[in-house]
Amino acid sequence: MTFSTIGHIVFGVSTAEGTTSQIVGPPTKINQWTPLGYTYSQTNGLIMYIIGVQYGTTGVSSYTARNSIGWLNVGWCGSGLGMIPIIRNHFLGAVDELDVYRRELTTNEIASLANH
């Protein structure tokens, strides 16, 4: 997860084919908390949720770690995410909660987390 150079939320994952699947969300609002959700599975691909509602998806996508450590970057991306120009620096702001699961959450589970 990172931000585009014009302030849009960007979720991306490297694919087995060596490309990047990504979803570009809406622009962020200054001084406003926005619950974001991000799920991934080979069946459903990458899914972005904003305030518990599905915003976008990449569709079916296969991810591979390519024999390396898989990293989860939140608010920073040291390399490009495809065609979208992103901020290649650290996020300046606050993260209230970060939950990481070993499985894809359902839409209802994402909505519940966003609204608690």
PDB file of N, CA and C in Angstrom:
ATOM      1  N   MET A   1       0.840  -1.172   0.000  1.00  0.00           N
ATOM      2  CA  MET A   1       0.000   0.000   0.000  1.00  0.00           C
ATOM      3  C   MET A   1       0.878   1.225   0.000  1.00  0.00           C
ATOM      4  N   THR A   2       0.562   2.139  -0.878  1.00  0.00           N
ATOM      5  CA  THR A   2       1.291   3.398  -0.927  1.00  0.00           C
ATOM      6  C   THR A   2       0.356   4.465  -1.497  1.00  0.00           C
ATOM      7  N   PHE A   3       0.897   5.591  -1.856  1.00  0.00           N
ATOM      8  CA  PHE A   3       0.108   6.674  -2.421  1.00  0.00           C
ATOM      9  C   PHE A   3       0.710   7.105  -3.750  1.00  0.00           C
ATOM     10  N   SER A   4      -0.174   7.510  -4.664  1.00  0.00           N
ATOM     11  CA  SER A   4       0.320   8.033  -5.938  1.00  0.00           C
ATOM     12  C   SER A   4       0.861   9.437  -5.704  1.00  0.00           C
ATOM     13  N   THR A   5       1.553   9.957  -6.688  1.00  0.00           N
ATOM     14  CA  THR A   5       2.122  11.297  -6.557  1.00  0.00           C
ATOM     15  C   THR A   5       1.047  12.376  -6.468  1.00  0.00           C
ATOM     16  N   ILE A   6      -0.205  12.029  -6.797  1.00  0.00           N
ATOM     17  CA  ILE A   6      -1.291  13.010  -6.664  1.00  0.00           C
ATOM     18  C   ILE A   6      -2.250  12.651  -5.530  1.00  0.00           C
ATOM     19  N   GLY A   7      -1.801  11.752  -4.610  1.00  0.00           N
ATOM     20  CA  GLY A   7      -2.542  11.487  -3.392  1.00  0.00           C
ATOM     21  C   GLY A   7      -3.559  10.371  -3.421  1.00  0.00           C
ATOM     22  N   HIS A   8      -3.586   9.555  -4.466  1.00  0.00           N
ATOM     23  CA  HIS A   8      -4.512   8.430  -4.521  1.00  0.00           C
ATOM     24  C   HIS A   8      -3.913   7.225  -3.797  1.00  0.00           C
ATOM     25  N   ILE A   9      -4.757   6.427  -3.142  1.00  0.00           N
ATOM     26  CA  ILE A   9      -4.328   5.200  -2.494  1.00  0.00           C
ATOM     27  C   ILE A   9      -4.015   4.176  -3.582  1.00  0.00           C
ATOM     28  N   VAL A  10      -2.886   3.472  -3.467  1.00  0.00           N
ATOM     29  CA  VAL A  10      -2.510   2.457  -4.454  1.00  0.00           C
ATOM     30  C   VAL A  10      -2.166   1.160  -3.715  1.00  0.00           C
ATOM     31  N   PHE A  11      -2.842   0.069  -4.091  1.00  0.00           N
ATOM     32  CA  PHE A  11      -2.522  -1.267  -3.588  1.00  0.00           C
ATOM     33  C   PHE A  11      -1.944  -2.042  -4.750  1.00  0.00           C
ATOM     34  N   GLY A  12      -0.839  -2.743  -4.522  1.00  0.00           N
ATOM     35  CA  GLY A  12      -0.248  -3.516  -5.604  1.00  0.00           C
ATOM     36  C   GLY A  12       0.428  -4.768  -5.112  1.00  0.00           C
ATOM     37  N   VAL A  13       0.539  -5.745  -5.997  1.00  0.00           N
ATOM     38  CA  VAL A  13       1.219  -6.998  -5.695  1.00  0.00           C
ATOM     39  C   VAL A  13       1.944  -7.461  -6.957  1.00  0.00           C
ATOM     40  N   SER A  14       3.158  -7.988  -6.784  1.00  0.00           N
ATOM     41  CA  SER A  14       3.907  -8.531  -7.922  1.00  0.00           C
ATOM     42  C   SER A  14       3.307  -9.873  -8.303  1.00  0.00           C
ATOM     43  N   THR A  15       3.160 -10.106  -9.582  1.00  0.00           N
ATOM     44  CA  THR A  15       2.560 -11.341 -10.064  1.00  0.00           C
ATOM     45  C   THR A  15       3.629 -12.368 -10.422  1.00  0.00           C
ATOM     46  N   ALA A  16       3.174 -13.597 -10.616  1.00  0.00           N
ATOM     47  CA  ALA A  16       4.079 -14.685 -11.003  1.00  0.00           C
ATOM     48  C   ALA A  16       4.720 -14.408 -12.358  1.00  0.00           C
ATOM     49  N   GLU A  17       4.047 -13.620 -13.183  1.00  0.00           N
ATOM     50  CA  GLU A  17       4.556 -13.310 -14.517  1.00  0.00           C
ATOM     51  C   GLU A  17       5.606 -12.206 -14.501  1.00  0.00           C
ATOM     52  N   GLY A  18       5.878 -11.627 -13.313  1.00  0.00           N
ATOM     53  CA  GLY A  18       6.861 -10.560 -13.214  1.00  0.00           C
ATOM     54  C   GLY A  18       6.286  -9.182 -13.450  1.00  0.00           C
ATOM     55  N   THR A  19       4.977  -9.069 -13.569  1.00  0.00           N
ATOM     56  CA  THR A  19       4.332  -7.772 -13.723  1.00  0.00           C
ATOM     57  C   THR A  19       3.733  -7.367 -12.378  1.00  0.00           C
ATOM     58  N   THR A  20       2.979  -6.294 -12.359  1.00  0.00           N
ATOM     59  CA  THR A  20       2.337  -5.838 -11.131  1.00  0.00           C
ATOM     60  C   THR A  20       0.843  -5.701 -11.341  1.00  0.00           C
ATOM     61  N   SER A  21       0.073  -6.295 -10.430  1.00  0.00           N
ATOM     62  CA  SER A  21      -1.371  -6.063 -10.403  1.00  0.00           C
ATOM     63  C   SER A  21      -1.612  -4.963  -9.384  1.00  0.00           C
ATOM     64  N   GLN A  22      -2.400  -3.970  -9.750  1.00  0.00           N
ATOM     65  CA  GLN A  22      -2.620  -2.877  -8.821  1.00  0.00           C
ATOM     66  C   GLN A  22      -4.021  -2.307  -8.956  1.00  0.00           C
ATOM     67  N   ILE A  23      -4.437  -1.673  -7.868  1.00  0.00           N
ATOM     68  CA  ILE A  23      -5.711  -0.961  -7.846  1.00  0.00           C
ATOM     69  C   ILE A  23      -5.415   0.450  -7.375  1.00  0.00           C
ATOM     70  N   VAL A  24      -5.910   1.434  -8.088  1.00  0.00           N
ATOM     71  CA  VAL A  24      -5.748   2.829  -7.696  1.00  0.00           C
ATOM     72  C   VAL A  24      -7.077   3.310  -7.133  1.00  0.00           C
ATOM     73  N   GLY A  25      -7.058   3.708  -5.881  1.00  0.00           N
ATOM     74  CA  GLY A  25      -8.258   4.158  -5.204  1.00  0.00           C
ATOM     75  C   GLY A  25      -8.459   5.659  -5.341  1.00  0.00           C
ATOM     76  N   PRO A  26      -9.369   6.182  -4.554  1.00  0.00           N
ATOM     77  CA  PRO A  26      -9.663   7.606  -4.601  1.00  0.00           C
ATOM     78  C   PRO A  26      -8.561   8.421  -3.924  1.00  0.00           C
ATOM     79  N   PRO A  27      -8.586   9.740  -4.100  1.00  0.00           N
ATOM     80  CA  PRO A  27      -7.610  10.562  -3.385  1.00  0.00           C
ATOM     81  C   PRO A  27      -7.907  10.534  -1.884  1.00  0.00           C
ATOM     82  N   THR A  28      -6.864  10.664  -1.102  1.00  0.00           N
ATOM     83  CA  THR A  28      -7.037  10.698   0.349  1.00  0.00           C
ATOM     84  C   THR A  28      -7.472  12.086   0.791  1.00  0.00           C
ATOM     85  N   LYS A  29      -8.140  12.131   1.944  1.00  0.00           N
ATOM     86  CA  LYS A  29      -8.584  13.405   2.499  1.00  0.00           C
ATOM     87  C   LYS A  29      -7.705  13.740   3.695  1.00  0.00           C
ATOM     88  N   ILE A  30      -7.268  14.964   3.758  1.00  0.00           N
ATOM     89  CA  ILE A  30      -6.413  15.435   4.840  1.00  0.00           C
ATOM     90  C   ILE A  30      -7.179  15.417   6.162  1.00  0.00           C
ATOM     91  N   ASN A  31      -6.535  14.946   7.215  1.00  0.00           N
ATOM     92  CA  ASN A  31      -7.084  14.921   8.581  1.00  0.00           C
ATOM     93  C   ASN A  31      -8.391  14.154   8.706  1.00  0.00           C
ATOM     94  N   GLN A  32      -8.538  13.080   7.945  1.00  0.00           N
ATOM     95  CA  GLN A  32      -9.735  12.247   8.040  1.00  0.00           C
ATOM     96  C   GLN A  32      -9.314  10.784   8.065  1.00  0.00           C
ATOM     97  N   TRP A  33      -9.764  10.033   9.093  1.00  0.00           N
ATOM     98  CA  TRP A  33      -9.488   8.608   9.168  1.00  0.00           C
ATOM     99  C   TRP A  33     -10.287   7.891   8.100  1.00  0.00           C
ATOM    100  N   THR A  34      -9.653   6.999   7.386  1.00  0.00           N
ATOM    101  CA  THR A  34     -10.324   6.224   6.352  1.00  0.00           C
ATOM    102  C   THR A  34      -9.965   4.756   6.522  1.00  0.00           C
ATOM    103  N   PRO A  35     -10.934   3.914   6.956  1.00  0.00           N
ATOM    104  CA  PRO A  35     -10.647   2.487   7.073  1.00  0.00           C
ATOM    105  C   PRO A  35     -10.405   1.863   5.694  1.00  0.00           C
ATOM    106  N   LEU A  36      -9.245   1.247   5.530  1.00  0.00           N
ATOM    107  CA  LEU A  36      -8.885   0.601   4.271  1.00  0.00           C
ATOM    108  C   LEU A  36      -8.740  -0.893   4.510  1.00  0.00           C
ATOM    109  N   GLY A  37      -9.169  -1.680   3.557  1.00  0.00           N
ATOM    110  CA  GLY A  37      -8.996  -3.121   3.606  1.00  0.00           C
ATOM    111  C   GLY A  37      -8.387  -3.584   2.308  1.00  0.00           C
ATOM    112  N   TYR A  38      -7.617  -4.649   2.417  1.00  0.00           N
ATOM    113  CA  TYR A  38      -6.883  -5.154   1.272  1.00  0.00           C
ATOM    114  C   TYR A  38      -6.805  -6.660   1.430  1.00  0.00           C
ATOM    115  N   THR A  39      -7.357  -7.413   0.483  1.00  0.00           N
ATOM    116  CA  THR A  39      -7.273  -8.862   0.541  1.00  0.00           C
ATOM    117  C   THR A  39      -6.640  -9.388  -0.745  1.00  0.00           C
ATOM    118  N   TYR A  40      -6.102 -10.598  -0.641  1.00  0.00           N
ATOM    119  CA  TYR A  40      -5.514 -11.227  -1.821  1.00  0.00           C
ATOM    120  C   TYR A  40      -5.740 -12.727  -1.762  1.00  0.00           C
ATOM    121  N   SER A  41      -6.093 -13.315  -2.892  1.00  0.00           N
ATOM    122  CA  SER A  41      -6.084 -14.763  -3.077  1.00  0.00           C
ATOM    123  C   SER A  41      -5.872 -15.014  -4.564  1.00  0.00           C
ATOM    124  N   GLN A  42      -5.406 -16.208  -4.902  1.00  0.00           N
ATOM    125  CA  GLN A  42      -5.226 -16.528  -6.317  1.00  0.00           C
ATOM    126  C   GLN A  42      -6.567 -16.615  -7.016  1.00  0.00           C
ATOM    127  N   THR A  43      -7.613 -16.974  -6.283  1.00  0.00           N
ATOM    128  CA  THR A  43      -8.950 -17.081  -6.871  1.00  0.00           C
ATOM    129  C   THR A  43      -9.543 -15.704  -7.194  1.00  0.00           C
ATOM    130  N   ASN A  44      -9.419 -14.768  -6.255  1.00  0.00           N
ATOM    131  CA  ASN A  44     -10.057 -13.449  -6.407  1.00  0.00           C
ATOM    132  C   ASN A  44      -9.096 -12.325  -6.745  1.00  0.00           C
ATOM    133  N   GLY A  45      -7.803 -12.586  -6.680  1.00  0.00           N
ATOM    134  CA  GLY A  45      -6.827 -11.534  -6.929  1.00  0.00           C
ATOM    135  C   GLY A  45      -6.801 -10.540  -5.786  1.00  0.00           C
ATOM    136  N   LEU A  46      -6.423  -9.336  -6.099  1.00  0.00           N
ATOM    137  CA  LEU A  46      -6.310  -8.251  -5.141  1.00  0.00           C
ATOM    138  C   LEU A  46      -7.649  -7.518  -5.060  1.00  0.00           C
ATOM    139  N   ILE A  47      -8.130  -7.276  -3.837  1.00  0.00           N
ATOM    140  CA  ILE A  47      -9.385  -6.539  -3.656  1.00  0.00           C
ATOM    141  C   ILE A  47      -9.132  -5.398  -2.678  1.00  0.00           C
ATOM    142  N   MET A  48      -9.580  -4.194  -3.030  1.00  0.00           N
ATOM    143  CA  MET A  48      -9.464  -3.021  -2.172  1.00  0.00           C
ATOM    144  C   MET A  48     -10.837  -2.687  -1.598  1.00  0.00           C
ATOM    145  N   TYR A  49     -10.870  -2.464  -0.279  1.00  0.00           N
ATOM    146  CA  TYR A  49     -12.087  -2.041   0.408  1.00  0.00           C
ATOM    147  C   TYR A  49     -11.839  -0.684   1.042  1.00  0.00           C
ATOM    148  N   ILE A  50     -12.816   0.199   0.935  1.00  0.00           N
ATOM    149  CA  ILE A  50     -12.734   1.502   1.577  1.00  0.00           C
ATOM    150  C   ILE A  50     -13.990   1.661   2.428  1.00  0.00           C
ATOM    151  N   ILE A  51     -13.779   1.882   3.716  1.00  0.00           N
ATOM    152  CA  ILE A  51     -14.846   1.973   4.714  1.00  0.00           C
ATOM    153  C   ILE A  51     -15.755   0.745   4.629  1.00  0.00           C
ATOM    154  N   GLY A  52     -15.156  -0.433   4.449  1.00  0.00           N
ATOM    155  CA  GLY A  52     -15.883  -1.690   4.461  1.00  0.00           C
ATOM    156  C   GLY A  52     -16.600  -2.066   3.182  1.00  0.00           C
ATOM    157  N   VAL A  53     -16.473  -1.251   2.143  1.00  0.00           N
ATOM    158  CA  VAL A  53     -17.154  -1.496   0.869  1.00  0.00           C
ATOM    159  C   VAL A  53     -16.107  -1.773  -0.213  1.00  0.00           C
ATOM    160  N   GLN A  54     -16.361  -2.824  -1.022  1.00  0.00           N
ATOM    161  CA  GLN A  54     -15.404  -3.140  -2.086  1.00  0.00           C
ATOM    162  C   GLN A  54     -15.317  -1.982  -3.059  1.00  0.00           C
ATOM    163  N   TYR A  55     -14.074  -1.535  -3.304  1.00  0.00           N
ATOM    164  CA  TYR A  55     -13.833  -0.415  -4.207  1.00  0.00           C
ATOM    165  C   TYR A  55     -13.381  -0.890  -5.579  1.00  0.00           C
ATOM    166  N   GLY A  56     -12.501  -1.893  -5.604  1.00  0.00           N
ATOM    167  CA  GLY A  56     -11.988  -2.376  -6.877  1.00  0.00           C
ATOM    168  C   GLY A  56     -11.275  -3.696  -6.722  1.00  0.00           C
ATOM    169  N   THR A  57     -11.006  -4.339  -7.844  1.00  0.00           N
ATOM    170  CA  THR A  57     -10.313  -5.625  -7.842  1.00  0.00           C
ATOM    171  C   THR A  57      -9.460  -5.752  -9.101  1.00  0.00           C
ATOM    172  N   THR A  58      -8.420  -6.562  -8.990  1.00  0.00           N
ATOM    173  CA  THR A  58      -7.598  -6.845 -10.170  1.00  0.00           C
ATOM    174  C   THR A  58      -8.120  -8.057 -10.915  1.00  0.00           C
ATOM    175  N   GLY A  59      -9.026  -8.812 -10.284  1.00  0.00           N
ATOM    176  CA  GLY A  59      -9.456 -10.077 -10.862  1.00  0.00           C
ATOM    177  C   GLY A  59      -8.415 -11.139 -10.570  1.00  0.00           C
ATOM    178  N   VAL A  60      -8.556 -12.297 -11.173  1.00  0.00           N
ATOM    179  CA  VAL A  60      -7.665 -13.426 -10.915  1.00  0.00           C
ATOM    180  C   VAL A  60      -6.217 -13.012 -11.144  1.00  0.00           C
ATOM    181  N   SER A  61      -5.364 -13.347 -10.183  1.00  0.00           N
ATOM    182  CA  SER A  61      -3.960 -12.976 -10.258  1.00  0.00           C
ATOM    183  C   SER A  61      -3.150 -13.944  -9.422  1.00  0.00           C
ATOM    184  N   SER A  62      -2.024 -14.402  -9.938  1.00  0.00           N
ATOM    185  CA  SER A  62      -1.184 -15.302  -9.149  1.00  0.00           C
ATOM    186  C   SER A  62       0.075 -14.569  -8.706  1.00  0.00           C
ATOM    187  N   TYR A  63       0.321 -14.624  -7.423  1.00  0.00           N
ATOM    188  CA  TYR A  63       1.471 -13.984  -6.815  1.00  0.00           C
ATOM    189  C   TYR A  63       2.548 -15.021  -6.555  1.00  0.00           C
ATOM    190  N   THR A  64       3.775 -14.632  -6.685  1.00  0.00           N
ATOM    191  CA  THR A  64       4.868 -15.506  -6.289  1.00  0.00           C
ATOM    192  C   THR A  64       5.933 -14.682  -5.591  1.00  0.00           C
ATOM    193  N   ALA A  65       6.523 -15.253  -4.564  1.00  0.00           N
ATOM    194  CA  ALA A  65       7.598 -14.561  -3.853  1.00  0.00           C
ATOM    195  C   ALA A  65       8.931 -14.698  -4.592  1.00  0.00           C
ATOM    196  N   ARG A  66       8.967 -15.468  -5.653  1.00  0.00           N
ATOM    197  CA  ARG A  66      10.170 -15.669  -6.461  1.00  0.00           C
ATOM    198  C   ARG A  66      11.387 -16.008  -5.615  1.00  0.00           C
ATOM    199  N   ASN A  67      11.216 -16.989  -4.721  1.00  0.00           N
ATOM    200  CA  ASN A  67      12.304 -17.470  -3.867  1.00  0.00           C
ATOM    201  C   ASN A  67      12.929 -16.379  -3.005  1.00  0.00           C
ATOM    202  N   SER A  68      12.136 -15.416  -2.587  1.00  0.00           N
ATOM    203  CA  SER A  68      12.648 -14.358  -1.721  1.00  0.00           C
ATOM    204  C   SER A  68      11.657 -14.119  -0.586  1.00  0.00           C
ATOM    205  N   ILE A  69      12.059 -13.308   0.358  1.00  0.00           N
ATOM    206  CA  ILE A  69      11.187 -12.965   1.479  1.00  0.00           C
ATOM    207  C   ILE A  69      10.064 -12.070   0.966  1.00  0.00           C
ATOM    208  N   GLY A  70       8.828 -12.393   1.346  1.00  0.00           N
ATOM    209  CA  GLY A  70       7.700 -11.540   0.975  1.00  0.00           C
ATOM    210  C   GLY A  70       7.590 -10.374   1.946  1.00  0.00           C
ATOM    211  N   TRP A  71       7.528  -9.173   1.446  1.00  0.00           N
ATOM    212  CA  TRP A  71       7.459  -7.981   2.281  1.00  0.00           C
ATOM    213  C   TRP A  71       6.077  -7.372   2.210  1.00  0.00           C
ATOM    214  N   LEU A  72       5.627  -6.857   3.329  1.00  0.00           N
ATOM    215  CA  LEU A  72       4.401  -6.081   3.397  1.00  0.00           C
ATOM    216  C   LEU A  72       4.814  -4.650   3.691  1.00  0.00           C
ATOM    217  N   ASN A  73       4.666  -3.774   2.724  1.00  0.00           N
ATOM    218  CA  ASN A  73       5.006  -2.366   2.910  1.00  0.00           C
ATOM    219  C   ASN A  73       3.723  -1.565   3.074  1.00  0.00           C
ATOM    220  N   VAL A  74       3.657  -0.800   4.130  1.00  0.00           N
ATOM    221  CA  VAL A  74       2.502   0.051   4.380  1.00  0.00           C
ATOM    222  C   VAL A  74       2.983   1.495   4.387  1.00  0.00           C
ATOM    223  N   GLY A  75       2.496   2.276   3.435  1.00  0.00           N
ATOM    224  CA  GLY A  75       2.864   3.686   3.377  1.00  0.00           C
ATOM    225  C   GLY A  75       4.242   3.960   2.811  1.00  0.00           C
ATOM    226  N   TRP A  76       4.863   2.954   2.215  1.00  0.00           N
ATOM    227  CA  TRP A  76       6.176   3.143   1.607  1.00  0.00           C
ATOM    228  C   TRP A  76       6.360   2.117   0.517  1.00  0.00           C
ATOM    229  N   CYS A  77       6.958   2.532  -0.551  1.00  0.00           N
ATOM    230  CA  CYS A  77       7.284   1.591  -1.615  1.00  0.00           C
ATOM    231  C   CYS A  77       8.588   2.053  -2.232  1.00  0.00           C
ATOM    232  N   GLY A  78       9.605   1.233  -2.140  1.00  0.00           N
ATOM    233  CA  GLY A  78      10.916   1.606  -2.649  1.00  0.00           C
ATOM    234  C   GLY A  78      11.092   1.364  -4.127  1.00  0.00           C
ATOM    235  N   SER A  79      10.132   0.705  -4.764  1.00  0.00           N
ATOM    236  CA  SER A  79      10.235   0.459  -6.203  1.00  0.00           C
ATOM    237  C   SER A  79       8.899   0.759  -6.852  1.00  0.00           C
ATOM    238  N   GLY A  80       8.879   0.778  -8.155  1.00  0.00           N
ATOM    239  CA  GLY A  80       7.667   1.130  -8.887  1.00  0.00           C
ATOM    240  C   GLY A  80       6.581   0.089  -8.781  1.00  0.00           C
ATOM    241  N   LEU A  81       5.358   0.534  -8.967  1.00  0.00           N
ATOM    242  CA  LEU A  81       4.201  -0.362  -9.003  1.00  0.00           C
ATOM    243  C   LEU A  81       3.561  -0.287 -10.375  1.00  0.00           C
ATOM    244  N   GLY A  82       4.326  -0.493 -11.402  1.00  0.00           N
ATOM    245  CA  GLY A  82       3.741  -0.482 -12.734  1.00  0.00           C
ATOM    246  C   GLY A  82       3.684   0.924 -13.316  1.00  0.00           C
ATOM    247  N   MET A  83       2.556   1.248 -13.913  1.00  0.00           N
ATOM    248  CA  MET A  83       2.412   2.497 -14.659  1.00  0.00           C
ATOM    249  C   MET A  83       2.053   3.706 -13.796  1.00  0.00           C
ATOM    250  N   ILE A  84       1.574   3.499 -12.583  1.00  0.00           N
ATOM    251  CA  ILE A  84       1.128   4.605 -11.742  1.00  0.00           C
ATOM    252  C   ILE A  84       2.321   5.253 -11.057  1.00  0.00           C
ATOM    253  N   PRO A  85       2.533   6.573 -11.257  1.00  0.00           N
ATOM    254  CA  PRO A  85       3.643   7.217 -10.542  1.00  0.00           C
ATOM    255  C   PRO A  85       3.322   7.266  -9.046  1.00  0.00           C
ATOM    256  N   ILE A  86       4.193   6.702  -8.233  1.00  0.00           N
ATOM    257  CA  ILE A  86       3.951   6.651  -6.794  1.00  0.00           C
ATOM    258  C   ILE A  86       4.994   7.456  -6.040  1.00  0.00           C
ATOM    259  N   ILE A  87       4.676   7.747  -4.796  1.00  0.00           N
ATOM    260  CA  ILE A  87       5.621   8.420  -3.922  1.00  0.00           C
ATOM    261  C   ILE A  87       6.614   7.372  -3.441  1.00  0.00           C
ATOM    262  N   ARG A  88       7.865   7.566  -3.736  1.00  0.00           N
ATOM    263  CA  ARG A  88       8.903   6.613  -3.311  1.00  0.00           C
ATOM    264  C   ARG A  88       9.587   7.154  -2.070  1.00  0.00           C
ATOM    265  N   ASN A  89       8.814   7.280  -1.023  1.00  0.00           N
ATOM    266  CA  ASN A  89       9.326   7.807   0.221  1.00  0.00           C
ATOM    267  C   ASN A  89       8.424   7.311   1.338  1.00  0.00           C
ATOM    268  N   HIS A  90       8.706   7.685   2.561  1.00  0.00           N
ATOM    269  CA  HIS A  90       7.905   7.267   3.695  1.00  0.00           C
ATOM    270  C   HIS A  90       6.625   8.083   3.797  1.00  0.00           C
ATOM    271  N   PHE A  91       5.588   7.445   4.302  1.00  0.00           N
ATOM    272  CA  PHE A  91       4.285   8.050   4.542  1.00  0.00           C
ATOM    273  C   PHE A  91       4.386   8.992   5.732  1.00  0.00           C
ATOM    274  N   LEU A  92       3.835  10.193   5.616  1.00  0.00           N
ATOM    275  CA  LEU A  92       3.801  11.150   6.711  1.00  0.00           C
ATOM    276  C   LEU A  92       2.362  11.217   7.203  1.00  0.00           C
ATOM    277  N   GLY A  93       2.098  10.580   8.314  1.00  0.00           N
ATOM    278  CA  GLY A  93       0.743  10.532   8.844  1.00  0.00           C
ATOM    279  C   GLY A  93       0.677   9.520   9.965  1.00  0.00           C
ATOM    280  N   ALA A  94      -0.497   8.987  10.202  1.00  0.00           N
ATOM    281  CA  ALA A  94      -0.679   8.035  11.293  1.00  0.00           C
ATOM    282  C   ALA A  94      -1.471   6.830  10.815  1.00  0.00           C
ATOM    283  N   VAL A  95      -1.105   5.670  11.345  1.00  0.00           N
ATOM    284  CA  VAL A  95      -1.844   4.434  11.111  1.00  0.00           C
ATOM    285  C   VAL A  95      -2.389   4.024  12.468  1.00  0.00           C
ATOM    286  N   ASP A  96      -3.713   3.874  12.571  1.00  0.00           N
ATOM    287  CA  ASP A  96      -4.337   3.574  13.851  1.00  0.00           C
ATOM    288  C   ASP A  96      -4.272   2.095  14.180  1.00  0.00           C
ATOM    289  N   GLU A  97      -4.624   1.232  13.253  1.00  0.00           N
ATOM    290  CA  GLU A  97      -4.605  -0.215  13.462  1.00  0.00           C
ATOM    291  C   GLU A  97      -4.094  -0.896  12.208  1.00  0.00           C
ATOM    292  N   LEU A  98      -3.384  -1.975  12.401  1.00  0.00           N
ATOM    293  CA  LEU A  98      -2.939  -2.786  11.276  1.00  0.00           C
ATOM    294  C   LEU A  98      -3.160  -4.236  11.667  1.00  0.00           C
ATOM    295  N   ASP A  99      -4.045  -4.913  10.956  1.00  0.00           N
ATOM    296  CA  ASP A  99      -4.322  -6.325  11.181  1.00  0.00           C
ATOM    297  C   ASP A  99      -3.854  -7.098   9.962  1.00  0.00           C
ATOM    298  N   VAL A 100      -3.128  -8.195  10.187  1.00  0.00           N
ATOM    299  CA  VAL A 100      -2.649  -9.041   9.102  1.00  0.00           C
ATOM    300  C   VAL A 100      -3.136 -10.461   9.370  1.00  0.00           C
ATOM    301  N   TYR A 101      -3.744 -11.068   8.366  1.00  0.00           N
ATOM    302  CA  TYR A 101      -4.298 -12.414   8.485  1.00  0.00           C
ATOM    303  C   TYR A 101      -3.605 -13.332   7.489  1.00  0.00           C
ATOM    304  N   ARG A 102      -3.618 -14.619   7.772  1.00  0.00           N
ATOM    305  CA  ARG A 102      -3.005 -15.615   6.890  1.00  0.00           C
ATOM    306  C   ARG A 102      -3.997 -16.182   5.886  1.00  0.00           C
ATOM    307  N   ARG A 103      -5.159 -15.576   5.802  1.00  0.00           N
ATOM    308  CA  ARG A 103      -6.187 -16.026   4.867  1.00  0.00           C
ATOM    309  C   ARG A 103      -6.925 -14.810   4.336  1.00  0.00           C
ATOM    310  N   GLU A 104      -7.626 -15.008   3.248  1.00  0.00           N
ATOM    311  CA  GLU A 104      -8.434 -13.928   2.690  1.00  0.00           C
ATOM    312  C   GLU A 104      -9.690 -13.754   3.540  1.00  0.00           C
ATOM    313  N   LEU A 105      -9.943 -12.537   3.991  1.00  0.00           N
ATOM    314  CA  LEU A 105     -11.162 -12.258   4.747  1.00  0.00           C
ATOM    315  C   LEU A 105     -12.338 -12.108   3.793  1.00  0.00           C
ATOM    316  N   THR A 106     -13.537 -12.380   4.305  1.00  0.00           N
ATOM    317  CA  THR A 106     -14.747 -12.208   3.502  1.00  0.00           C
ATOM    318  C   THR A 106     -15.147 -10.735   3.499  1.00  0.00           C
ATOM    319  N   THR A 107     -16.027 -10.384   2.597  1.00  0.00           N
ATOM    320  CA  THR A 107     -16.541  -9.013   2.537  1.00  0.00           C
ATOM    321  C   THR A 107     -17.199  -8.632   3.856  1.00  0.00           C
ATOM    322  N   ASN A 108     -17.954  -9.551   4.466  1.00  0.00           N
ATOM    323  CA  ASN A 108     -18.604  -9.261   5.751  1.00  0.00           C
ATOM    324  C   ASN A 108     -17.585  -9.034   6.859  1.00  0.00           C
ATOM    325  N   GLU A 109     -16.503  -9.805   6.869  1.00  0.00           N
ATOM    326  CA  GLU A 109     -15.463  -9.620   7.882  1.00  0.00           C
ATOM    327  C   GLU A 109     -14.769  -8.269   7.716  1.00  0.00           C
ATOM    328  N   ILE A 110     -14.505  -7.880   6.483  1.00  0.00           N
ATOM    329  CA  ILE A 110     -13.892  -6.577   6.217  1.00  0.00           C
ATOM    330  C   ILE A 110     -14.819  -5.455   6.684  1.00  0.00           C
ATOM    331  N   ALA A 111     -16.119  -5.572   6.360  1.00  0.00           N
ATOM    332  CA  ALA A 111     -17.091  -4.551   6.783  1.00  0.00           C
ATOM    333  C   ALA A 111     -17.162  -4.443   8.293  1.00  0.00           C
ATOM    334  N   SER A 112     -17.137  -5.578   8.976  1.00  0.00           N
ATOM    335  CA  SER A 112     -17.178  -5.584  10.432  1.00  0.00           C
ATOM    336  C   SER A 112     -15.965  -4.893  11.035  1.00  0.00           C
ATOM    337  N   LEU A 113     -14.787  -5.178  10.500  1.00  0.00           N
ATOM    338  CA  LEU A 113     -13.563  -4.528  10.992  1.00  0.00           C
ATOM    339  C   LEU A 113     -13.577  -3.025  10.742  1.00  0.00           C
ATOM    340  N   ALA A 114     -14.109  -2.621   9.603  1.00  0.00           N
ATOM    341  CA  ALA A 114     -14.142  -1.200   9.251  1.00  0.00           C
ATOM    342  C   ALA A 114     -15.112  -0.404  10.107  1.00  0.00           C
ATOM    343  N   ASN A 115     -16.114  -1.069  10.627  1.00  0.00           N
ATOM    344  CA  ASN A 115     -17.182  -0.363  11.355  1.00  0.00           C
ATOM    345  C   ASN A 115     -17.177  -0.631  12.854  1.00  0.00           C
ATOM    346  N   HIS A 116     -16.062  -1.108  13.406  1.00  0.00           N
ATOM    347  CA  HIS A 116     -16.055  -1.332  14.866  1.00  0.00           C
ATOM    348  C   HIS A 116     -15.407  -0.199  15.608  1.00  0.00           C
TER     349      HIS A 116
END
